[in-house]
Amino acid sequence: MPYGMKVLVTGASGRIGRTFVREYKNFYKFKLMLHKSSLEDGEFETVYGDVSNFNSVLKAVEGVEAVVHLAADARVEADWNSILHSNIIGTYNVFEAARICNVKKIVYASSNHACGTLVNERDIVGPDAPVAPDSLYGVSKVFGEALAHYYHKRYGISIICLRIGICRDLEDPSEFFKEYLSGKKVHPTYSPEKILGLWISARDMAQLIHKSLEADVKFGIFYGISNNRHPVFDISETRIKLGYSPEDCAENHLK
């Protein structure tokens, strides 16, 4: 995407959306879709609405050249009703609105939970791993990947799906890691060691979205973690095909 292209970010008030917009606000012309939350900075064009409402989504997508679709109920243990409306209907609405509005590129936020069962069964999960969701949330992300493939093949939209690791917008994530390693916090799916291996810093996450928008790749499912010493995901294809070069490492924050 050339400098100054207009990009819609759904779920722009979430931790990933905020970071991406902050890091690349001088590169892209952003249009933000928000649901309940708001942003303090009023410098961007903003549309309020629920992704489960097609008319709201269509209004948001009109006039943009690319979409970064982050909006979802990101709770691993979210109930089916919320998953259905926010993650499944919402994703369909975004893809369909993009088709109608002739959007050429979509970056879709999938998740490590699309293959979460394998994360717990294997030392490292590679690009050839089958889908193996560990929750209804994971199932919704597998649905989004399949829908992305359909919209690419049927309508020619370039779509990059990112199986994102565990991302937190923290200046110093050492306390975050310490809480899990000490047992103070327990993840509903993963062991503390897996959390370290799945971690992706906020700035690496922002770079990954940027590289996905810029890459001359028509379709693909790519893994996203930082340059961790004991990675859970094999990100070799992400590096080669997208040009991703993570700057951070989880173990560097252990104290």
Protein backbone atom coordinates (compact mmCIF):
# COMPACT_ATOMS: atom_id res chain seq x y z
CA MET A 1 0.00 0.00 0.00
CA PRO A 2 1.61 3.30 -1.04
CA TYR A 3 2.20 6.06 1.48
CA GLY A 4 -1.00 7.87 2.38
CA MET A 5 -3.43 5.12 1.39
CA LYS A 6 -6.72 5.21 3.28
CA VAL A 7 -7.05 2.28 5.69
CA LEU A 8 -10.04 1.35 7.83
CA VAL A 9 -9.23 -0.17 11.22
CA THR A 10 -12.12 -1.97 12.93
CA GLY A 11 -11.81 -2.44 16.67
CA ALA A 12 -9.50 0.56 16.66
CA SER A 13 -9.84 1.20 20.41
CA GLY A 14 -8.45 -2.23 21.33
CA ARG A 15 -4.86 -2.77 22.41
CA ILE A 16 -3.67 -3.80 18.94
CA GLY A 17 -5.65 -1.16 17.09
CA ARG A 18 -4.41 1.66 19.32
CA THR A 19 -0.79 0.63 18.87
CA PHE A 20 -1.01 0.20 15.10
CA VAL A 21 -2.66 3.58 14.61
CA ARG A 22 -0.18 5.28 16.93
CA GLU A 23 2.87 3.74 15.23
CA TYR A 24 1.74 4.33 11.63
CA LYS A 25 -0.40 7.46 11.78
CA ASN A 26 2.15 9.28 9.63
CA PHE A 27 2.16 6.56 6.98
CA TYR A 28 -1.51 5.81 6.37
CA LYS A 29 -4.64 7.90 6.26
CA PHE A 30 -6.74 6.19 8.89
CA LYS A 31 -10.47 5.75 9.24
CA LEU A 32 -11.44 4.17 12.54
CA MET A 33 -14.47 2.06 13.38
CA LEU A 34 -15.34 2.01 17.07
CA HIS A 35 -18.12 0.30 18.99
CA LYS A 36 -18.48 1.32 22.64
CA SER A 37 -15.07 2.74 23.41
CA SER A 38 -13.69 6.05 22.21
CA LEU A 39 -10.25 7.45 21.48
CA GLU A 40 -8.88 10.55 23.16
CA ASP A 41 -7.18 11.70 19.97
CA GLY A 42 -9.73 13.22 17.59
CA GLU A 43 -7.43 13.62 14.58
CA PHE A 44 -8.85 10.65 12.65
CA GLU A 45 -12.07 10.12 10.77
CA THR A 46 -14.22 7.97 13.04
CA VAL A 47 -17.33 5.87 12.54
CA TYR A 48 -19.23 4.37 15.44
CA GLY A 49 -21.11 1.12 15.02
CA ASP A 50 -21.33 -2.59 15.72
CA VAL A 51 -19.70 -4.94 13.19
CA SER A 52 -22.72 -7.24 13.52
CA ASN A 53 -24.79 -4.48 11.87
CA PHE A 54 -24.14 -4.60 8.13
CA ASN A 55 -25.21 -1.04 7.41
CA SER A 56 -22.78 0.27 10.03
CA VAL A 57 -19.97 -1.76 8.49
CA LEU A 58 -20.82 -0.64 4.96
CA LYS A 59 -20.69 2.99 6.07
CA ALA A 60 -17.29 2.39 7.63
CA VAL A 61 -15.82 0.60 4.61
CA GLU A 62 -16.99 3.14 2.03
CA GLY A 63 -14.13 5.16 0.60
CA VAL A 64 -11.20 3.14 1.93
CA GLU A 65 -8.57 1.18 0.03
CA ALA A 66 -7.71 -1.43 2.65
CA VAL A 67 -9.19 -2.85 5.85
CA VAL A 68 -7.47 -4.05 9.01
CA HIS A 69 -10.15 -6.13 10.71
CA LEU A 70 -9.43 -6.36 14.45
CA ALA A 71 -12.92 -6.06 15.92
CA ALA A 72 -14.03 -9.18 17.83
CA ASP A 73 -14.93 -10.56 21.20
CA ALA A 74 -11.40 -11.64 22.11
CA ARG A 75 -12.30 -13.55 25.27
CA VAL A 76 -11.23 -17.19 24.97
CA GLU A 77 -14.19 -18.22 27.10
CA ALA A 78 -16.75 -15.94 25.44
CA ASP A 79 -20.26 -17.38 25.11
CA TRP A 80 -21.69 -18.50 21.79
CA ASN A 81 -24.09 -15.61 21.35
CA SER A 82 -21.30 -13.05 21.57
CA ILE A 83 -18.99 -15.13 19.35
CA LEU A 84 -21.73 -15.49 16.74
CA HIS A 85 -22.51 -11.79 16.49
CA SER A 86 -19.11 -10.18 17.00
CA ASN A 87 -16.76 -12.72 15.41
CA ILE A 88 -18.74 -14.65 12.82
CA ILE A 89 -21.46 -12.30 11.58
CA GLY A 90 -19.13 -9.34 12.11
CA THR A 91 -16.35 -10.87 10.00
CA TYR A 92 -18.76 -11.80 7.22
CA ASN A 93 -20.10 -8.24 7.22
CA VAL A 94 -16.61 -6.76 6.91
CA PHE A 95 -15.63 -9.06 4.03
CA GLU A 96 -18.90 -8.56 2.20
CA ALA A 97 -18.79 -4.77 2.62
CA ALA A 98 -15.20 -4.83 1.33
CA ARG A 99 -16.38 -6.74 -1.74
CA ILE A 100 -19.18 -4.29 -2.43
CA CYS A 101 -16.85 -1.31 -2.01
CA ASN A 102 -14.08 -2.82 -4.16
CA VAL A 103 -11.51 -2.91 -1.38
CA LYS A 104 -8.38 -4.61 -2.64
CA LYS A 105 -6.66 -5.64 0.60
CA ILE A 106 -7.76 -7.00 3.99
CA VAL A 107 -5.61 -7.89 6.97
CA TYR A 108 -7.61 -10.21 9.21
CA ALA A 109 -6.73 -10.73 12.86
CA SER A 110 -6.95 -14.47 13.43
CA SER A 111 -5.51 -15.99 16.60
CA ASN A 112 -3.21 -18.55 18.14
CA HIS A 113 -6.43 -20.18 19.37
CA ALA A 114 -7.23 -21.27 15.80
CA CYS A 115 -4.62 -23.96 16.48
CA GLY A 116 -4.58 -23.82 20.26
CA THR A 117 -4.89 -27.58 20.74
CA LEU A 118 -1.66 -28.07 18.78
CA VAL A 119 0.07 -25.35 20.81
CA ASN A 120 -0.38 -27.54 23.86
CA GLU A 121 0.58 -30.76 22.06
CA ARG A 122 3.68 -29.67 20.12
CA ASP A 123 6.93 -27.89 20.90
CA ILE A 124 6.54 -25.74 17.80
CA VAL A 125 3.65 -25.19 15.39
CA GLY A 126 4.56 -24.63 11.75
CA PRO A 127 2.82 -23.23 8.67
CA ASP A 128 1.62 -26.69 7.60
CA ALA A 129 -0.23 -27.34 10.87
CA PRO A 130 -3.94 -28.22 10.53
CA VAL A 131 -6.63 -26.13 12.17
CA ALA A 132 -7.13 -27.21 15.77
CA PRO A 133 -9.24 -24.68 17.71
CA ASP A 134 -9.27 -24.91 21.50
CA SER A 135 -12.47 -22.89 22.10
CA LEU A 136 -15.48 -21.38 20.39
CA TYR A 137 -13.37 -18.26 20.05
CA GLY A 138 -10.79 -20.35 18.18
CA VAL A 139 -13.55 -21.84 16.04
CA SER A 140 -14.67 -18.33 15.05
CA LYS A 141 -11.14 -17.50 13.92
CA VAL A 142 -10.97 -20.67 11.81
CA PHE A 143 -14.26 -19.57 10.25
CA GLY A 144 -12.71 -16.19 9.44
CA GLU A 145 -9.71 -17.84 7.78
CA ALA A 146 -11.97 -20.04 5.66
CA LEU A 147 -14.14 -17.07 4.72
CA ALA A 148 -11.01 -15.13 3.79
CA HIS A 149 -9.93 -17.93 1.46
CA TYR A 150 -13.37 -17.96 -0.16
CA TYR A 151 -13.42 -14.18 -0.68
CA HIS A 152 -9.93 -14.29 -2.14
CA LYS A 153 -10.69 -17.12 -4.57
CA ARG A 154 -14.20 -15.98 -5.49
CA TYR A 155 -13.68 -12.21 -5.66
CA GLY A 156 -9.93 -11.71 -5.95
CA ILE A 157 -9.49 -9.73 -2.74
CA SER A 158 -5.98 -9.97 -1.30
CA ILE A 159 -6.36 -11.18 2.29
CA ILE A 160 -3.65 -11.83 4.88
CA CYS A 161 -4.73 -13.78 7.97
CA LEU A 162 -2.54 -13.37 11.04
CA ARG A 163 -2.50 -16.03 13.75
CA ILE A 164 -1.52 -13.60 16.44
CA GLY A 165 0.23 -14.70 19.60
CA ILE A 166 -0.34 -13.04 22.97
CA CYS A 167 -0.09 -9.26 22.64
CA ARG A 168 -0.16 -6.68 25.42
CA ASP A 169 0.56 -2.99 24.97
CA LEU A 170 2.92 -2.75 27.94
CA GLU A 171 5.99 -0.55 28.30
CA ASP A 172 7.51 -3.16 30.63
CA PRO A 173 5.93 -6.64 30.31
CA SER A 174 8.12 -8.16 33.04
CA GLU A 175 5.33 -8.03 35.64
CA PHE A 176 2.93 -9.61 33.17
CA PHE A 177 5.27 -12.58 32.71
CA LYS A 178 6.04 -12.79 36.43
CA GLU A 179 2.37 -13.15 37.34
CA TYR A 180 2.04 -16.25 35.14
CA LEU A 181 5.42 -17.77 35.95
CA SER A 182 4.73 -17.45 39.68
CA GLY A 183 1.25 -18.95 39.38
CA LYS A 184 -0.46 -15.76 40.51
CA LYS A 185 -2.38 -15.79 37.24
CA VAL A 186 -3.50 -18.86 35.29
CA HIS A 187 -4.25 -18.76 31.59
CA PRO A 188 -7.42 -20.65 30.59
CA THR A 189 -5.55 -22.57 27.89
CA TYR A 190 -1.75 -22.33 28.11
CA SER A 191 1.10 -22.97 30.52
CA PRO A 192 3.39 -20.05 31.52
CA GLU A 193 6.11 -21.33 29.18
CA LYS A 194 3.71 -21.26 26.25
CA ILE A 195 2.77 -17.68 27.10
CA LEU A 196 6.43 -16.66 26.83
CA GLY A 197 6.76 -18.46 23.49
CA LEU A 198 3.56 -16.90 22.13
CA TRP A 199 4.29 -13.33 23.19
CA ILE A 200 4.37 -10.56 20.61
CA SER A 201 5.21 -7.03 21.64
CA ALA A 202 2.97 -4.15 20.68
CA ARG A 203 5.51 -2.62 18.33
CA ASP A 204 6.20 -5.97 16.65
CA MET A 205 2.46 -6.44 16.23
CA ALA A 206 2.12 -3.01 14.63
CA GLN A 207 5.02 -3.80 12.29
CA LEU A 208 3.42 -7.13 11.36
CA ILE A 209 0.18 -5.44 10.30
CA HIS A 210 2.12 -2.85 8.33
CA LYS A 211 4.18 -5.51 6.56
CA SER A 212 0.99 -7.43 5.77
CA LEU A 213 -0.53 -4.37 4.13
CA GLU A 214 2.62 -3.75 2.12
CA ALA A 215 3.43 -7.32 1.06
CA ASP A 216 2.71 -8.46 -2.49
CA VAL A 217 0.97 -11.60 -1.22
CA LYS A 218 -2.50 -12.42 -2.50
CA PHE A 219 -3.51 -14.79 0.29
CA GLY A 220 -1.89 -16.47 3.25
CA ILE A 221 -2.15 -17.50 6.89
CA PHE A 222 0.87 -16.31 8.85
CA TYR A 223 1.98 -16.64 12.46
CA GLY A 224 2.85 -13.60 14.55
CA ILE A 225 5.11 -13.65 17.61
CA SER A 226 8.19 -11.71 18.67
CA ASN A 227 11.75 -13.00 18.34
CA ASN A 228 11.40 -15.20 21.43
CA ARG A 229 14.15 -17.64 22.41
CA HIS A 230 11.73 -20.55 22.74
CA PRO A 231 9.10 -19.78 20.09
CA VAL A 232 5.83 -21.67 19.94
CA PHE A 233 5.30 -20.71 16.30
CA ASP A 234 7.61 -21.12 13.33
CA ILE A 235 7.56 -17.64 11.80
CA SER A 236 10.03 -18.32 8.99
CA GLU A 237 7.37 -17.81 6.30
CA THR A 238 6.19 -14.63 8.01
CA ARG A 239 9.72 -13.29 7.83
CA ILE A 240 10.33 -14.35 4.23
CA LYS A 241 6.99 -13.66 2.56
CA LEU A 242 5.88 -10.61 4.54
CA GLY A 243 9.29 -9.16 5.35
CA TYR A 244 8.52 -9.20 9.07
CA SER A 245 11.52 -8.54 11.32
CA PRO A 246 10.58 -8.67 15.03
CA GLU A 247 12.61 -6.44 17.32
CA ASP A 248 11.64 -7.79 20.73
CA CYS A 249 12.12 -10.99 22.75
CA ALA A 250 10.04 -12.19 25.71
CA GLU A 251 13.00 -13.55 27.65
CA ASN A 252 14.71 -10.14 27.62
CA HIS A 253 11.98 -8.94 29.99
CA LEU A 254 12.42 -11.62 32.63
CA LYS A 255 13.81 -10.31 35.91
